[in-house]
Amino acid sequence: MNNGSLKTNKKPRKARTAFTDQQLNCLEKSFERQKYLSVQDRMELAARLSLSDTQVKTWYQNRRTKWKRQAAVSLEFLEQQ
């Protein structure tokens, strides 16, 4: 018996998005300029990349988490020097 059989009211999980290299490059460049997007900017970026607003929002959330984690590791490294 797996854990999934215990949860009967849950929606099935959405498949993970496989971003193209072009989409990732554009998302990364956008992130370098702006760590947080307005709703309007997010919708425009999503339309330009043929992604949903939710996909762009989730990518940005995950990327900010990665950015903050990298900053914390860098700071810890500098403090050890």
PDB file of N, CA and C in Angstrom:
ATOM      1  N   MET A   1       0.840  -1.179   0.000  1.00  0.00           N
ATOM      2  CA  MET A   1       0.000   0.000   0.000  1.00  0.00           C
ATOM      3  C   MET A   1       0.890   1.249   0.000  1.00  0.00           C
ATOM      4  N   ASN A   2       0.655   2.155  -0.919  1.00  0.00           N
ATOM      5  CA  ASN A   2       1.471   3.372  -0.938  1.00  0.00           C
ATOM      6  C   ASN A   2       0.736   4.508  -0.244  1.00  0.00           C
ATOM      7  N   ASN A   3       1.436   5.583   0.043  1.00  0.00           N
ATOM      8  CA  ASN A   3       0.847   6.711   0.759  1.00  0.00           C
ATOM      9  C   ASN A   3      -0.260   7.389  -0.027  1.00  0.00           C
ATOM     10  N   GLY A   4      -0.203   7.329  -1.337  1.00  0.00           N
ATOM     11  CA  GLY A   4      -1.203   7.982  -2.174  1.00  0.00           C
ATOM     12  C   GLY A   4      -2.592   7.406  -2.012  1.00  0.00           C
ATOM     13  N   SER A   5      -2.709   6.146  -1.669  1.00  0.00           N
ATOM     14  CA  SER A   5      -4.020   5.524  -1.545  1.00  0.00           C
ATOM     15  C   SER A   5      -4.768   6.009  -0.308  1.00  0.00           C
ATOM     16  N   LEU A   6      -4.088   6.628   0.638  1.00  0.00           N
ATOM     17  CA  LEU A   6      -4.730   7.123   1.846  1.00  0.00           C
ATOM     18  C   LEU A   6      -5.412   8.468   1.626  1.00  0.00           C
ATOM     19  N   LYS A   7      -5.035   9.171   0.592  1.00  0.00           N
ATOM     20  CA  LYS A   7      -5.570  10.504   0.317  1.00  0.00           C
ATOM     21  C   LYS A   7      -6.534  10.411  -0.862  1.00  0.00           C
ATOM     22  N   THR A   8      -7.817  10.379  -0.580  1.00  0.00           N
ATOM     23  CA  THR A   8      -8.796  10.178  -1.649  1.00  0.00           C
ATOM     24  C   THR A   8      -9.320  11.479  -2.241  1.00  0.00           C
ATOM     25  N   ASN A   9      -9.237  12.585  -1.511  1.00  0.00           N
ATOM     26  CA  ASN A   9      -9.816  13.842  -1.987  1.00  0.00           C
ATOM     27  C   ASN A   9      -8.810  14.760  -2.673  1.00  0.00           C
ATOM     28  N   LYS A  10      -7.588  14.317  -2.847  1.00  0.00           N
ATOM     29  CA  LYS A  10      -6.547  15.152  -3.452  1.00  0.00           C
ATOM     30  C   LYS A  10      -6.601  15.074  -4.973  1.00  0.00           C
ATOM     31  N   LYS A  11      -6.306  16.219  -5.597  1.00  0.00           N
ATOM     32  CA  LYS A  11      -6.195  16.241  -7.055  1.00  0.00           C
ATOM     33  C   LYS A  11      -4.894  15.563  -7.458  1.00  0.00           C
ATOM     34  N   PRO A  12      -4.868  14.947  -8.633  1.00  0.00           N
ATOM     35  CA  PRO A  12      -3.603  14.354  -9.080  1.00  0.00           C
ATOM     36  C   PRO A  12      -2.567  15.455  -9.311  1.00  0.00           C
ATOM     37  N   ARG A  13      -1.332  15.129  -9.047  1.00  0.00           N
ATOM     38  CA  ARG A  13      -0.250  16.092  -9.187  1.00  0.00           C
ATOM     39  C   ARG A  13      -0.038  16.449 -10.655  1.00  0.00           C
ATOM     40  N   LYS A  14       0.192  17.742 -10.916  1.00  0.00           N
ATOM     41  CA  LYS A  14       0.460  18.195 -12.280  1.00  0.00           C
ATOM     42  C   LYS A  14       1.884  17.793 -12.669  1.00  0.00           C
ATOM     43  N   ALA A  15       2.051  17.405 -13.910  1.00  0.00           N
ATOM     44  CA  ALA A  15       3.371  16.992 -14.394  1.00  0.00           C
ATOM     45  C   ALA A  15       4.348  18.164 -14.314  1.00  0.00           C
ATOM     46  N   ARG A  16       5.587  17.858 -14.035  1.00  0.00           N
ATOM     47  CA  ARG A  16       6.635  18.870 -13.950  1.00  0.00           C
ATOM     48  C   ARG A  16       6.851  19.501 -15.324  1.00  0.00           C
ATOM     49  N   THR A  17       7.008  20.819 -15.354  1.00  0.00           N
ATOM     50  CA  THR A  17       7.228  21.538 -16.607  1.00  0.00           C
ATOM     51  C   THR A  17       8.664  21.352 -17.071  1.00  0.00           C
ATOM     52  N   ALA A  18       8.824  20.975 -18.318  1.00  0.00           N
ATOM     53  CA  ALA A  18      10.157  20.878 -18.921  1.00  0.00           C
ATOM     54  C   ALA A  18      10.373  22.148 -19.742  1.00  0.00           C
ATOM     55  N   PHE A  19      11.066  23.114 -19.152  1.00  0.00           N
ATOM     56  CA  PHE A  19      11.319  24.375 -19.837  1.00  0.00           C
ATOM     57  C   PHE A  19      12.357  24.172 -20.932  1.00  0.00           C
ATOM     58  N   THR A  20      12.178  24.885 -22.038  1.00  0.00           N
ATOM     59  CA  THR A  20      13.169  24.827 -23.111  1.00  0.00           C
ATOM     60  C   THR A  20      14.367  25.689 -22.716  1.00  0.00           C
ATOM     61  N   ASP A  21      15.481  25.496 -23.401  1.00  0.00           N
ATOM     62  CA  ASP A  21      16.673  26.315 -23.141  1.00  0.00           C
ATOM     63  C   ASP A  21      16.372  27.791 -23.355  1.00  0.00           C
ATOM     64  N   GLN A  22      15.603  28.088 -24.399  1.00  0.00           N
ATOM     65  CA  GLN A  22      15.260  29.478 -24.701  1.00  0.00           C
ATOM     66  C   GLN A  22      14.407  30.077 -23.577  1.00  0.00           C
ATOM     67  N   GLN A  23      13.443  29.313 -23.070  1.00  0.00           N
ATOM     68  CA  GLN A  23      12.606  29.795 -21.972  1.00  0.00           C
ATOM     69  C   GLN A  23      13.450  30.037 -20.722  1.00  0.00           C
ATOM     70  N   LEU A  24      14.341  29.102 -20.409  1.00  0.00           N
ATOM     71  CA  LEU A  24      15.194  29.251 -19.227  1.00  0.00           C
ATOM     72  C   LEU A  24      16.122  30.454 -19.348  1.00  0.00           C
ATOM     73  N   ASN A  25      16.704  30.655 -20.526  1.00  0.00           N
ATOM     74  CA  ASN A  25      17.577  31.821 -20.736  1.00  0.00           C
ATOM     75  C   ASN A  25      16.812  33.114 -20.517  1.00  0.00           C
ATOM     76  N   CYS A  26      15.621  33.179 -21.064  1.00  0.00           N
ATOM     77  CA  CYS A  26      14.797  34.379 -20.929  1.00  0.00           C
ATOM     78  C   CYS A  26      14.375  34.595 -19.471  1.00  0.00           C
ATOM     79  N   LEU A  27      13.988  33.527 -18.788  1.00  0.00           N
ATOM     80  CA  LEU A  27      13.607  33.628 -17.379  1.00  0.00           C
ATOM     81  C   LEU A  27      14.792  34.083 -16.528  1.00  0.00           C
ATOM     82  N   GLU A  28      15.968  33.526 -16.775  1.00  0.00           N
ATOM     83  CA  GLU A  28      17.164  33.905 -16.010  1.00  0.00           C
ATOM     84  C   GLU A  28      17.542  35.366 -16.248  1.00  0.00           C
ATOM     85  N   LYS A  29      17.491  35.810 -17.508  1.00  0.00           N
ATOM     86  CA  LYS A  29      17.808  37.213 -17.813  1.00  0.00           C
ATOM     87  C   LYS A  29      16.819  38.145 -17.128  1.00  0.00           C
ATOM     88  N   SER A  30      15.554  37.769 -17.160  1.00  0.00           N
ATOM     89  CA  SER A  30      14.525  38.562 -16.505  1.00  0.00           C
ATOM     90  C   SER A  30      14.769  38.611 -14.999  1.00  0.00           C
ATOM     91  N   PHE A  31      15.157  37.482 -14.422  1.00  0.00           N
ATOM     92  CA  PHE A  31      15.420  37.407 -12.982  1.00  0.00           C
ATOM     93  C   PHE A  31      16.621  38.266 -12.586  1.00  0.00           C
ATOM     94  N   GLU A  32      17.642  38.321 -13.438  1.00  0.00           N
ATOM     95  CA  GLU A  32      18.806  39.171 -13.158  1.00  0.00           C
ATOM     96  C   GLU A  32      18.398  40.636 -13.050  1.00  0.00           C
ATOM     97  N   ARG A  33      17.456  41.055 -13.892  1.00  0.00           N
ATOM     98  CA  ARG A  33      16.986  42.439 -13.885  1.00  0.00           C
ATOM     99  C   ARG A  33      16.032  42.708 -12.727  1.00  0.00           C
ATOM    100  N   GLN A  34      15.146  41.754 -12.464  1.00  0.00           N
ATOM    101  CA  GLN A  34      14.074  41.937 -11.491  1.00  0.00           C
ATOM    102  C   GLN A  34      13.870  40.659 -10.699  1.00  0.00           C
ATOM    103  N   LYS A  35      14.058  40.734  -9.391  1.00  0.00           N
ATOM    104  CA  LYS A  35      13.860  39.544  -8.549  1.00  0.00           C
ATOM    105  C   LYS A  35      12.372  39.283  -8.294  1.00  0.00           C
ATOM    106  N   TYR A  36      11.563  40.321  -8.389  1.00  0.00           N
ATOM    107  CA  TYR A  36      10.116  40.194  -8.189  1.00  0.00           C
ATOM    108  C   TYR A  36       9.405  40.836  -9.371  1.00  0.00           C
ATOM    109  N   LEU A  37       8.416  40.133  -9.924  1.00  0.00           N
ATOM    110  CA  LEU A  37       7.660  40.644 -11.064  1.00  0.00           C
ATOM    111  C   LEU A  37       6.285  41.122 -10.620  1.00  0.00           C
ATOM    112  N   SER A  38       5.826  42.207 -11.226  1.00  0.00           N
ATOM    113  CA  SER A  38       4.437  42.615 -11.026  1.00  0.00           C
ATOM    114  C   SER A  38       3.550  41.620 -11.772  1.00  0.00           C
ATOM    115  N   VAL A  39       2.278  41.631 -11.465  1.00  0.00           N
ATOM    116  CA  VAL A  39       1.341  40.734 -12.148  1.00  0.00           C
ATOM    117  C   VAL A  39       1.373  41.004 -13.649  1.00  0.00           C
ATOM    118  N   GLN A  40       1.405  42.275 -14.022  1.00  0.00           N
ATOM    119  CA  GLN A  40       1.432  42.639 -15.439  1.00  0.00           C
ATOM    120  C   GLN A  40       2.695  42.111 -16.122  1.00  0.00           C
ATOM    121  N   ASP A  41       3.849  42.329 -15.502  1.00  0.00           N
ATOM    122  CA  ASP A  41       5.116  41.844 -16.072  1.00  0.00           C
ATOM    123  C   ASP A  41       5.119  40.324 -16.182  1.00  0.00           C
ATOM    124  N   ARG A  42       4.596  39.672 -15.153  1.00  0.00           N
ATOM    125  CA  ARG A  42       4.553  38.208 -15.150  1.00  0.00           C
ATOM    126  C   ARG A  42       3.662  37.688 -16.275  1.00  0.00           C
ATOM    127  N   MET A  43       2.528  38.326 -16.476  1.00  0.00           N
ATOM    128  CA  MET A  43       1.617  37.902 -17.543  1.00  0.00           C
ATOM    129  C   MET A  43       2.239  38.122 -18.921  1.00  0.00           C
ATOM    130  N   GLU A  44       2.937  39.236 -19.090  1.00  0.00           N
ATOM    131  CA  GLU A  44       3.594  39.522 -20.367  1.00  0.00           C
ATOM    132  C   GLU A  44       4.713  38.520 -20.642  1.00  0.00           C
ATOM    133  N   LEU A  45       5.507  38.213 -19.628  1.00  0.00           N
ATOM    134  CA  LEU A  45       6.591  37.245 -19.782  1.00  0.00           C
ATOM    135  C   LEU A  45       6.021  35.864 -20.101  1.00  0.00           C
ATOM    136  N   ALA A  46       4.977  35.475 -19.411  1.00  0.00           N
ATOM    137  CA  ALA A  46       4.339  34.178 -19.662  1.00  0.00           C
ATOM    138  C   ALA A  46       3.833  34.091 -21.097  1.00  0.00           C
ATOM    139  N   ALA A  47       3.194  35.143 -21.569  1.00  0.00           N
ATOM    140  CA  ALA A  47       2.674  35.149 -22.941  1.00  0.00           C
ATOM    141  C   ALA A  47       3.815  35.067 -23.952  1.00  0.00           C
ATOM    142  N   ARG A  48       4.880  35.813 -23.696  1.00  0.00           N
ATOM    143  CA  ARG A  48       6.027  35.823 -24.611  1.00  0.00           C
ATOM    144  C   ARG A  48       6.701  34.454 -24.692  1.00  0.00           C
ATOM    145  N   LEU A  49       6.673  33.703 -23.590  1.00  0.00           N
ATOM    146  CA  LEU A  49       7.347  32.401 -23.548  1.00  0.00           C
ATOM    147  C   LEU A  49       6.397  31.226 -23.768  1.00  0.00           C
ATOM    148  N   SER A  50       5.132  31.515 -24.040  1.00  0.00           N
ATOM    149  CA  SER A  50       4.108  30.470 -24.215  1.00  0.00           C
ATOM    150  C   SER A  50       4.000  29.584 -22.975  1.00  0.00           C
ATOM    151  N   LEU A  51       4.022  30.227 -21.806  1.00  0.00           N
ATOM    152  CA  LEU A  51       3.851  29.538 -20.533  1.00  0.00           C
ATOM    153  C   LEU A  51       2.638  30.119 -19.827  1.00  0.00           C
ATOM    154  N   SER A  52       2.161  29.431 -18.813  1.00  0.00           N
ATOM    155  CA  SER A  52       1.057  29.980 -18.029  1.00  0.00           C
ATOM    156  C   SER A  52       1.616  30.946 -16.983  1.00  0.00           C
ATOM    157  N   ASP A  53       0.750  31.804 -16.503  1.00  0.00           N
ATOM    158  CA  ASP A  53       1.111  32.736 -15.443  1.00  0.00           C
ATOM    159  C   ASP A  53       1.610  31.959 -14.218  1.00  0.00           C
ATOM    160  N   THR A  54       0.953  30.865 -13.906  1.00  0.00           N
ATOM    161  CA  THR A  54       1.325  30.038 -12.752  1.00  0.00           C
ATOM    162  C   THR A  54       2.707  29.419 -12.923  1.00  0.00           C
ATOM    163  N   GLN A  55       3.040  28.998 -14.129  1.00  0.00           N
ATOM    164  CA  GLN A  55       4.362  28.415 -14.375  1.00  0.00           C
ATOM    165  C   GLN A  55       5.462  29.448 -14.136  1.00  0.00           C
ATOM    166  N   VAL A  56       5.249  30.669 -14.608  1.00  0.00           N
ATOM    167  CA  VAL A  56       6.242  31.733 -14.407  1.00  0.00           C
ATOM    168  C   VAL A  56       6.322  32.092 -12.926  1.00  0.00           C
ATOM    169  N   LYS A  57       5.184  32.202 -12.274  1.00  0.00           N
ATOM    170  CA  LYS A  57       5.158  32.527 -10.844  1.00  0.00           C
ATOM    171  C   LYS A  57       5.916  31.474 -10.033  1.00  0.00           C
ATOM    172  N   THR A  58       5.661  30.215 -10.310  1.00  0.00           N
ATOM    173  CA  THR A  58       6.324  29.125  -9.589  1.00  0.00           C
ATOM    174  C   THR A  58       7.818  29.111  -9.875  1.00  0.00           C
ATOM    175  N   TRP A  59       8.201  29.341 -11.140  1.00  0.00           N
ATOM    176  CA  TRP A  59       9.626  29.372 -11.484  1.00  0.00           C
ATOM    177  C   TRP A  59      10.318  30.482 -10.689  1.00  0.00           C
ATOM    178  N   TYR A  60       9.702  31.670 -10.633  1.00  0.00           N
ATOM    179  CA  TYR A  60      10.277  32.792  -9.892  1.00  0.00           C
ATOM    180  C   TYR A  60      10.387  32.483  -8.401  1.00  0.00           C
ATOM    181  N   GLN A  61       9.366  31.857  -7.833  1.00  0.00           N
ATOM    182  CA  GLN A  61       9.415  31.496  -6.411  1.00  0.00           C
ATOM    183  C   GLN A  61      10.586  30.557  -6.140  1.00  0.00           C
ATOM    184  N   ASN A  62      10.718  29.540  -6.980  1.00  0.00           N
ATOM    185  CA  ASN A  62      11.804  28.574  -6.811  1.00  0.00           C
ATOM    186  C   ASN A  62      13.169  29.214  -7.039  1.00  0.00           C
ATOM    187  N   ARG A  63      13.250  30.109  -8.011  1.00  0.00           N
ATOM    188  CA  ARG A  63      14.531  30.769  -8.325  1.00  0.00           C
ATOM    189  C   ARG A  63      14.953  31.703  -7.197  1.00  0.00           C
ATOM    190  N   ARG A  64      13.982  32.416  -6.594  1.00  0.00           N
ATOM    191  CA  ARG A  64      14.316  33.280  -5.456  1.00  0.00           C
ATOM    192  C   ARG A  64      14.824  32.454  -4.272  1.00  0.00           C
ATOM    193  N   THR A  65      14.224  31.290  -4.061  1.00  0.00           N
ATOM    194  CA  THR A  65      14.678  30.400  -2.992  1.00  0.00           C
ATOM    195  C   THR A  65      16.119  29.973  -3.239  1.00  0.00           C
ATOM    196  N   LYS A  66      16.420  29.606  -4.475  1.00  0.00           N
ATOM    197  CA  LYS A  66      17.787  29.208  -4.842  1.00  0.00           C
ATOM    198  C   LYS A  66      18.750  30.376  -4.652  1.00  0.00           C
ATOM    199  N   TRP A  67      18.348  31.569  -5.066  1.00  0.00           N
ATOM    200  CA  TRP A  67      19.168  32.773  -4.956  1.00  0.00           C
ATOM    201  C   TRP A  67      19.484  33.084  -3.490  1.00  0.00           C
ATOM    202  N   LYS A  68      18.475  33.007  -2.628  1.00  0.00           N
ATOM    203  CA  LYS A  68      18.672  33.280  -1.201  1.00  0.00           C
ATOM    204  C   LYS A  68      19.579  32.228  -0.559  1.00  0.00           C
ATOM    205  N   ARG A  69      19.401  30.975  -0.950  1.00  0.00           N
ATOM    206  CA  ARG A  69      20.233  29.894  -0.418  1.00  0.00           C
ATOM    207  C   ARG A  69      21.696  30.098  -0.833  1.00  0.00           C
ATOM    208  N   GLN A  70      21.919  30.474  -2.106  1.00  0.00           N
ATOM    209  CA  GLN A  70      23.279  30.723  -2.590  1.00  0.00           C
ATOM    210  C   GLN A  70      23.908  31.907  -1.864  1.00  0.00           C
ATOM    211  N   ALA A  71      23.115  32.936  -1.599  1.00  0.00           N
ATOM    212  CA  ALA A  71      23.621  34.106  -0.883  1.00  0.00           C
ATOM    213  C   ALA A  71      24.020  33.725   0.538  1.00  0.00           C
ATOM    214  N   ALA A  72      23.245  32.876   1.180  1.00  0.00           N
ATOM    215  CA  ALA A  72      23.551  32.441   2.545  1.00  0.00           C
ATOM    216  C   ALA A  72      24.830  31.612   2.570  1.00  0.00           C
ATOM    217  N   VAL A  73      25.019  30.748   1.593  1.00  0.00           N
ATOM    218  CA  VAL A  73      26.234  29.928   1.516  1.00  0.00           C
ATOM    219  C   VAL A  73      27.446  30.821   1.268  1.00  0.00           C
ATOM    220  N   SER A  74      27.309  31.801   0.389  1.00  0.00           N
ATOM    221  CA  SER A  74      28.416  32.726   0.103  1.00  0.00           C
ATOM    222  C   SER A  74      28.792  33.522   1.343  1.00  0.00           C
ATOM    223  N   LEU A  75      27.791  33.985   2.070  1.00  0.00           N
ATOM    224  CA  LEU A  75      28.039  34.752   3.285  1.00  0.00           C
ATOM    225  C   LEU A  75      28.742  33.886   4.328  1.00  0.00           C
ATOM    226  N   GLU A  76      28.287  32.655   4.471  1.00  0.00           N
ATOM    227  CA  GLU A  76      28.909  31.730   5.416  1.00  0.00           C
ATOM    228  C   GLU A  76      30.369  31.475   5.039  1.00  0.00           C
ATOM    229  N   PHE A  77      30.632  31.325   3.756  1.00  0.00           N
ATOM    230  CA  PHE A  77      32.001  31.107   3.276  1.00  0.00           C
ATOM    231  C   PHE A  77      32.884  32.314   3.590  1.00  0.00           C
ATOM    232  N   LEU A  78      32.359  33.520   3.342  1.00  0.00           N
ATOM    233  CA  LEU A  78      33.134  34.734   3.602  1.00  0.00           C
ATOM    234  C   LEU A  78      33.428  34.905   5.086  1.00  0.00           C
ATOM    235  N   GLU A  79      32.481  34.518   5.932  1.00  0.00           N
ATOM    236  CA  GLU A  79      32.685  34.643   7.372  1.00  0.00           C
ATOM    237  C   GLU A  79      33.762  33.691   7.871  1.00  0.00           C
ATOM    238  N   GLN A  80      33.979  32.599   7.167  1.00  0.00           N
ATOM    239  CA  GLN A  80      34.999  31.628   7.565  1.00  0.00           C
ATOM    240  C   GLN A  80      36.396  32.069   7.146  1.00  0.00           C
ATOM    241  N   GLN A  81      36.487  33.029   6.253  1.00  0.00           N
ATOM    242  CA  GLN A  81      37.786  33.489   5.750  1.00  0.00           C
ATOM    243  C   GLN A  81      38.498  34.367   6.750  1.00  0.00           C
TER     244      GLN A  81
END
